[in-house]
Amino acid sequence: MAVLQPVISILDEPDSGLDIDAVQSVAKAISLTARPDATIIVITHYARILKFLSRLDFVHVLADGKVIKEGPKELADELEQKGYGWLGIQEPIQS
């Protein structure tokens, strides 16, 4: 990202499988490449990486291809505490 300087970056679960030190390093790298004229979308199931980003403008919750809830960064913490059930999302049963 730093070399290409894209206007839009979509990062799908950049924290997947990482320990907390690596998550912090990835978040720092994302923060260092952020620019006022660019958009970075971070897709994640967990709020931990969001806590380390220097700037987080919005949190969007997607289900069935639609944004069903959006809000400030505190929404990610609320999801961590309550799960998705309060939004009417049924989590699939793992077999």
N, C-alpha and C. Protein backbone atom coordinates (compact mmCIF):
# COMPACT_ATOMS: atom_id res chain seq x y z
N MET A 1 0.82 -1.19 0.00
CA MET A 1 0.00 0.00 0.00
C MET A 1 0.86 1.25 0.00
N ALA A 2 1.92 1.23 0.76
CA ALA A 2 2.75 2.43 0.87
C ALA A 2 3.38 2.79 -0.47
N VAL A 3 3.77 1.79 -1.24
CA VAL A 3 4.41 2.04 -2.52
C VAL A 3 3.41 2.48 -3.58
N LEU A 4 2.27 1.79 -3.64
CA LEU A 4 1.27 2.08 -4.68
C LEU A 4 0.44 3.32 -4.39
N GLN A 5 0.27 3.68 -3.14
CA GLN A 5 -0.56 4.81 -2.71
C GLN A 5 -1.94 4.80 -3.35
N PRO A 6 -2.70 3.71 -3.15
CA PRO A 6 -4.03 3.64 -3.75
C PRO A 6 -5.00 4.63 -3.11
N VAL A 7 -6.03 4.99 -3.86
CA VAL A 7 -7.06 5.88 -3.35
C VAL A 7 -8.02 5.09 -2.46
N ILE A 8 -8.24 3.82 -2.78
CA ILE A 8 -9.08 2.93 -1.97
C ILE A 8 -8.32 1.63 -1.72
N SER A 9 -8.26 1.23 -0.46
CA SER A 9 -7.66 -0.05 -0.08
C SER A 9 -8.70 -0.84 0.71
N ILE A 10 -8.86 -2.11 0.36
CA ILE A 10 -9.77 -2.99 1.09
C ILE A 10 -8.93 -4.11 1.67
N LEU A 11 -8.88 -4.16 3.00
CA LEU A 11 -8.08 -5.16 3.70
C LEU A 11 -9.04 -6.15 4.38
N ASP A 12 -9.07 -7.37 3.88
CA ASP A 12 -9.98 -8.38 4.39
C ASP A 12 -9.29 -9.20 5.48
N GLU A 13 -9.70 -8.97 6.70
CA GLU A 13 -9.19 -9.65 7.89
C GLU A 13 -7.66 -9.65 7.98
N PRO A 14 -7.05 -8.47 7.99
CA PRO A 14 -5.59 -8.40 8.08
C PRO A 14 -5.05 -8.90 9.42
N ASP A 15 -5.94 -9.10 10.40
CA ASP A 15 -5.52 -9.58 11.71
C ASP A 15 -5.71 -11.08 11.90
N SER A 16 -6.17 -11.76 10.87
CA SER A 16 -6.47 -13.18 10.97
C SER A 16 -5.22 -14.01 11.28
N GLY A 17 -5.29 -14.75 12.37
CA GLY A 17 -4.20 -15.65 12.74
C GLY A 17 -2.99 -14.99 13.37
N LEU A 18 -3.08 -13.72 13.67
CA LEU A 18 -1.93 -13.00 14.21
C LEU A 18 -1.99 -12.92 15.73
N ASP A 19 -0.81 -12.94 16.37
CA ASP A 19 -0.77 -12.69 17.81
C ASP A 19 -0.88 -11.17 18.03
N ILE A 20 -1.03 -10.76 19.26
CA ILE A 20 -1.31 -9.36 19.57
C ILE A 20 -0.18 -8.42 19.12
N ASP A 21 1.08 -8.86 19.21
CA ASP A 21 2.18 -8.01 18.75
C ASP A 21 2.12 -7.79 17.25
N ALA A 22 1.79 -8.84 16.52
CA ALA A 22 1.67 -8.71 15.06
C ALA A 22 0.47 -7.85 14.69
N VAL A 23 -0.63 -7.98 15.43
CA VAL A 23 -1.81 -7.14 15.17
C VAL A 23 -1.45 -5.67 15.34
N GLN A 24 -0.69 -5.36 16.38
CA GLN A 24 -0.27 -3.98 16.60
C GLN A 24 0.63 -3.49 15.47
N SER A 25 1.51 -4.34 14.99
CA SER A 25 2.39 -3.96 13.87
C SER A 25 1.61 -3.71 12.60
N VAL A 26 0.64 -4.57 12.32
CA VAL A 26 -0.20 -4.39 11.13
C VAL A 26 -1.01 -3.11 11.24
N ALA A 27 -1.59 -2.86 12.41
CA ALA A 27 -2.37 -1.64 12.61
C ALA A 27 -1.50 -0.41 12.44
N LYS A 28 -0.28 -0.46 12.94
CA LYS A 28 0.64 0.67 12.79
C LYS A 28 0.95 0.91 11.32
N ALA A 29 1.18 -0.16 10.56
CA ALA A 29 1.46 -0.03 9.14
C ALA A 29 0.27 0.56 8.39
N ILE A 30 -0.92 0.12 8.75
CA ILE A 30 -2.14 0.68 8.14
C ILE A 30 -2.23 2.16 8.46
N SER A 31 -2.02 2.51 9.71
CA SER A 31 -2.12 3.92 10.13
C SER A 31 -1.09 4.80 9.43
N LEU A 32 0.11 4.26 9.23
CA LEU A 32 1.16 5.04 8.57
C LEU A 32 0.88 5.30 7.09
N THR A 33 0.09 4.43 6.47
CA THR A 33 -0.21 4.61 5.05
C THR A 33 -1.49 5.42 4.82
N ALA A 34 -2.22 5.73 5.89
CA ALA A 34 -3.46 6.50 5.77
C ALA A 34 -3.16 7.93 5.30
N ARG A 35 -4.02 8.41 4.41
CA ARG A 35 -3.89 9.78 3.88
C ARG A 35 -5.27 10.42 3.83
N PRO A 36 -5.34 11.74 3.91
CA PRO A 36 -6.64 12.41 3.84
C PRO A 36 -7.38 12.17 2.52
N ASP A 37 -6.65 11.91 1.45
CA ASP A 37 -7.28 11.73 0.13
C ASP A 37 -7.50 10.26 -0.22
N ALA A 38 -7.43 9.37 0.76
CA ALA A 38 -7.58 7.94 0.50
C ALA A 38 -8.53 7.31 1.52
N THR A 39 -9.12 6.20 1.11
CA THR A 39 -10.02 5.44 1.97
C THR A 39 -9.43 4.06 2.21
N ILE A 40 -9.40 3.66 3.47
CA ILE A 40 -8.96 2.31 3.82
C ILE A 40 -10.13 1.61 4.51
N ILE A 41 -10.55 0.49 3.94
CA ILE A 41 -11.62 -0.31 4.52
C ILE A 41 -10.98 -1.55 5.14
N VAL A 42 -11.22 -1.74 6.43
CA VAL A 42 -10.69 -2.90 7.14
C VAL A 42 -11.88 -3.80 7.49
N ILE A 43 -11.88 -5.00 6.94
CA ILE A 43 -12.94 -5.97 7.22
C ILE A 43 -12.41 -6.91 8.30
N THR A 44 -13.17 -7.03 9.39
CA THR A 44 -12.73 -7.88 10.49
C THR A 44 -13.93 -8.39 11.27
N HIS A 45 -13.74 -9.48 11.97
CA HIS A 45 -14.78 -10.03 12.85
C HIS A 45 -14.52 -9.65 14.31
N TYR A 46 -13.37 -9.07 14.57
CA TYR A 46 -12.98 -8.77 15.95
C TYR A 46 -12.53 -7.31 16.07
N ALA A 47 -12.81 -6.71 17.20
CA ALA A 47 -12.50 -5.30 17.41
C ALA A 47 -11.03 -5.04 17.75
N ARG A 48 -10.27 -6.08 18.02
CA ARG A 48 -8.91 -5.86 18.54
C ARG A 48 -8.04 -5.01 17.63
N ILE A 49 -8.04 -5.22 16.32
CA ILE A 49 -7.19 -4.42 15.44
C ILE A 49 -7.68 -2.97 15.39
N LEU A 50 -8.98 -2.77 15.54
CA LEU A 50 -9.54 -1.42 15.47
C LEU A 50 -9.03 -0.54 16.61
N LYS A 51 -8.75 -1.15 17.74
CA LYS A 51 -8.24 -0.41 18.90
C LYS A 51 -6.87 0.20 18.66
N PHE A 52 -6.12 -0.35 17.71
CA PHE A 52 -4.76 0.10 17.46
C PHE A 52 -4.62 1.00 16.24
N LEU A 53 -5.72 1.24 15.52
CA LEU A 53 -5.65 2.13 14.37
C LEU A 53 -5.67 3.57 14.85
N SER A 54 -4.86 4.42 14.24
CA SER A 54 -4.77 5.80 14.71
C SER A 54 -6.03 6.59 14.36
N ARG A 55 -6.73 6.16 13.34
CA ARG A 55 -7.95 6.88 12.95
C ARG A 55 -8.99 5.87 12.52
N LEU A 56 -10.15 5.95 13.12
CA LEU A 56 -11.27 5.08 12.78
C LEU A 56 -12.51 5.95 12.72
N ASP A 57 -13.02 6.16 11.52
CA ASP A 57 -14.13 7.08 11.35
C ASP A 57 -15.50 6.44 11.55
N PHE A 58 -15.68 5.24 11.01
CA PHE A 58 -16.98 4.58 11.07
C PHE A 58 -16.81 3.09 11.25
N VAL A 59 -17.83 2.47 11.86
CA VAL A 59 -17.94 1.02 11.90
C VAL A 59 -19.26 0.69 11.21
N HIS A 60 -19.19 -0.23 10.27
CA HIS A 60 -20.38 -0.70 9.56
C HIS A 60 -20.51 -2.20 9.82
N VAL A 61 -21.73 -2.64 10.09
CA VAL A 61 -22.01 -4.06 10.27
C VAL A 61 -22.76 -4.54 9.04
N LEU A 62 -22.21 -5.55 8.38
CA LEU A 62 -22.83 -6.09 7.18
C LEU A 62 -23.43 -7.46 7.45
N ALA A 63 -24.58 -7.72 6.86
CA ALA A 63 -25.21 -9.04 6.90
C ALA A 63 -25.98 -9.22 5.61
N ASP A 64 -25.82 -10.36 5.01
CA ASP A 64 -26.50 -10.65 3.74
C ASP A 64 -26.24 -9.58 2.69
N GLY A 65 -25.01 -9.06 2.67
CA GLY A 65 -24.62 -8.10 1.65
C GLY A 65 -25.13 -6.69 1.86
N LYS A 66 -25.69 -6.40 3.04
CA LYS A 66 -26.23 -5.08 3.32
C LYS A 66 -25.66 -4.52 4.62
N VAL A 67 -25.52 -3.21 4.67
CA VAL A 67 -25.15 -2.55 5.92
C VAL A 67 -26.40 -2.49 6.77
N ILE A 68 -26.37 -3.16 7.93
CA ILE A 68 -27.55 -3.18 8.80
C ILE A 68 -27.40 -2.28 10.02
N LYS A 69 -26.18 -1.83 10.28
CA LYS A 69 -25.94 -0.94 11.41
C LYS A 69 -24.64 -0.20 11.15
N GLU A 70 -24.62 1.06 11.49
CA GLU A 70 -23.38 1.82 11.39
C GLU A 70 -23.31 2.78 12.57
N GLY A 71 -22.09 3.14 12.90
CA GLY A 71 -21.93 4.02 14.03
C GLY A 71 -20.47 4.37 14.27
N PRO A 72 -20.20 5.00 15.41
CA PRO A 72 -18.82 5.37 15.75
C PRO A 72 -18.03 4.14 16.16
N LYS A 73 -16.76 4.34 16.45
CA LYS A 73 -15.88 3.21 16.79
C LYS A 73 -16.37 2.43 18.01
N GLU A 74 -17.14 3.04 18.87
CA GLU A 74 -17.66 2.34 20.05
C GLU A 74 -18.62 1.20 19.68
N LEU A 75 -19.17 1.26 18.47
CA LEU A 75 -20.04 0.18 18.00
C LEU A 75 -19.28 -1.15 17.96
N ALA A 76 -18.01 -1.12 17.61
CA ALA A 76 -17.21 -2.35 17.59
C ALA A 76 -17.11 -2.96 18.98
N ASP A 77 -16.93 -2.13 19.99
CA ASP A 77 -16.86 -2.63 21.37
C ASP A 77 -18.20 -3.21 21.80
N GLU A 78 -19.28 -2.56 21.40
CA GLU A 78 -20.62 -3.05 21.73
C GLU A 78 -20.86 -4.43 21.11
N LEU A 79 -20.42 -4.61 19.88
CA LEU A 79 -20.54 -5.91 19.22
C LEU A 79 -19.73 -6.98 19.94
N GLU A 80 -18.54 -6.61 20.39
CA GLU A 80 -17.70 -7.56 21.13
C GLU A 80 -18.40 -8.01 22.41
N GLN A 81 -19.09 -7.09 23.07
CA GLN A 81 -19.74 -7.40 24.34
C GLN A 81 -21.04 -8.17 24.15
N LYS A 82 -21.86 -7.74 23.18
CA LYS A 82 -23.21 -8.29 23.04
C LYS A 82 -23.34 -9.38 21.98
N GLY A 83 -22.37 -9.48 21.08
CA GLY A 83 -22.54 -10.39 19.96
C GLY A 83 -23.43 -9.76 18.90
N TYR A 84 -23.87 -10.57 17.94
CA TYR A 84 -24.67 -10.05 16.83
C TYR A 84 -26.17 -10.21 17.05
N GLY A 85 -26.57 -11.03 18.03
CA GLY A 85 -27.98 -11.34 18.24
C GLY A 85 -28.86 -10.12 18.42
N TRP A 86 -28.39 -9.09 19.11
CA TRP A 86 -29.21 -7.90 19.37
C TRP A 86 -29.49 -7.11 18.10
N LEU A 87 -28.77 -7.43 17.02
CA LEU A 87 -29.02 -6.78 15.73
C LEU A 87 -29.94 -7.63 14.85
N GLY A 88 -30.39 -8.76 15.39
CA GLY A 88 -31.28 -9.63 14.63
C GLY A 88 -30.55 -10.55 13.67
N ILE A 89 -29.24 -10.69 13.86
CA ILE A 89 -28.44 -11.56 13.00
C ILE A 89 -28.32 -12.93 13.68
N GLN A 90 -28.69 -13.95 12.97
CA GLN A 90 -28.53 -15.31 13.48
C GLN A 90 -27.20 -15.85 13.01
N GLU A 91 -26.33 -16.18 13.93
CA GLU A 91 -25.03 -16.73 13.56
C GLU A 91 -25.21 -18.17 13.13
N PRO A 92 -24.52 -18.59 12.08
CA PRO A 92 -24.64 -19.98 11.62
C PRO A 92 -24.11 -20.96 12.65
N ILE A 93 -24.70 -22.12 12.69
CA ILE A 93 -24.24 -23.18 13.60
C ILE A 93 -23.07 -23.89 12.94
N GLN A 94 -21.97 -23.97 13.67
CA GLN A 94 -20.78 -24.66 13.17
C GLN A 94 -20.95 -26.16 13.37
N SER A 95 -20.68 -26.93 12.33
CA SER A 95 -20.82 -28.38 12.48
C SER A 95 -19.45 -29.05 12.50
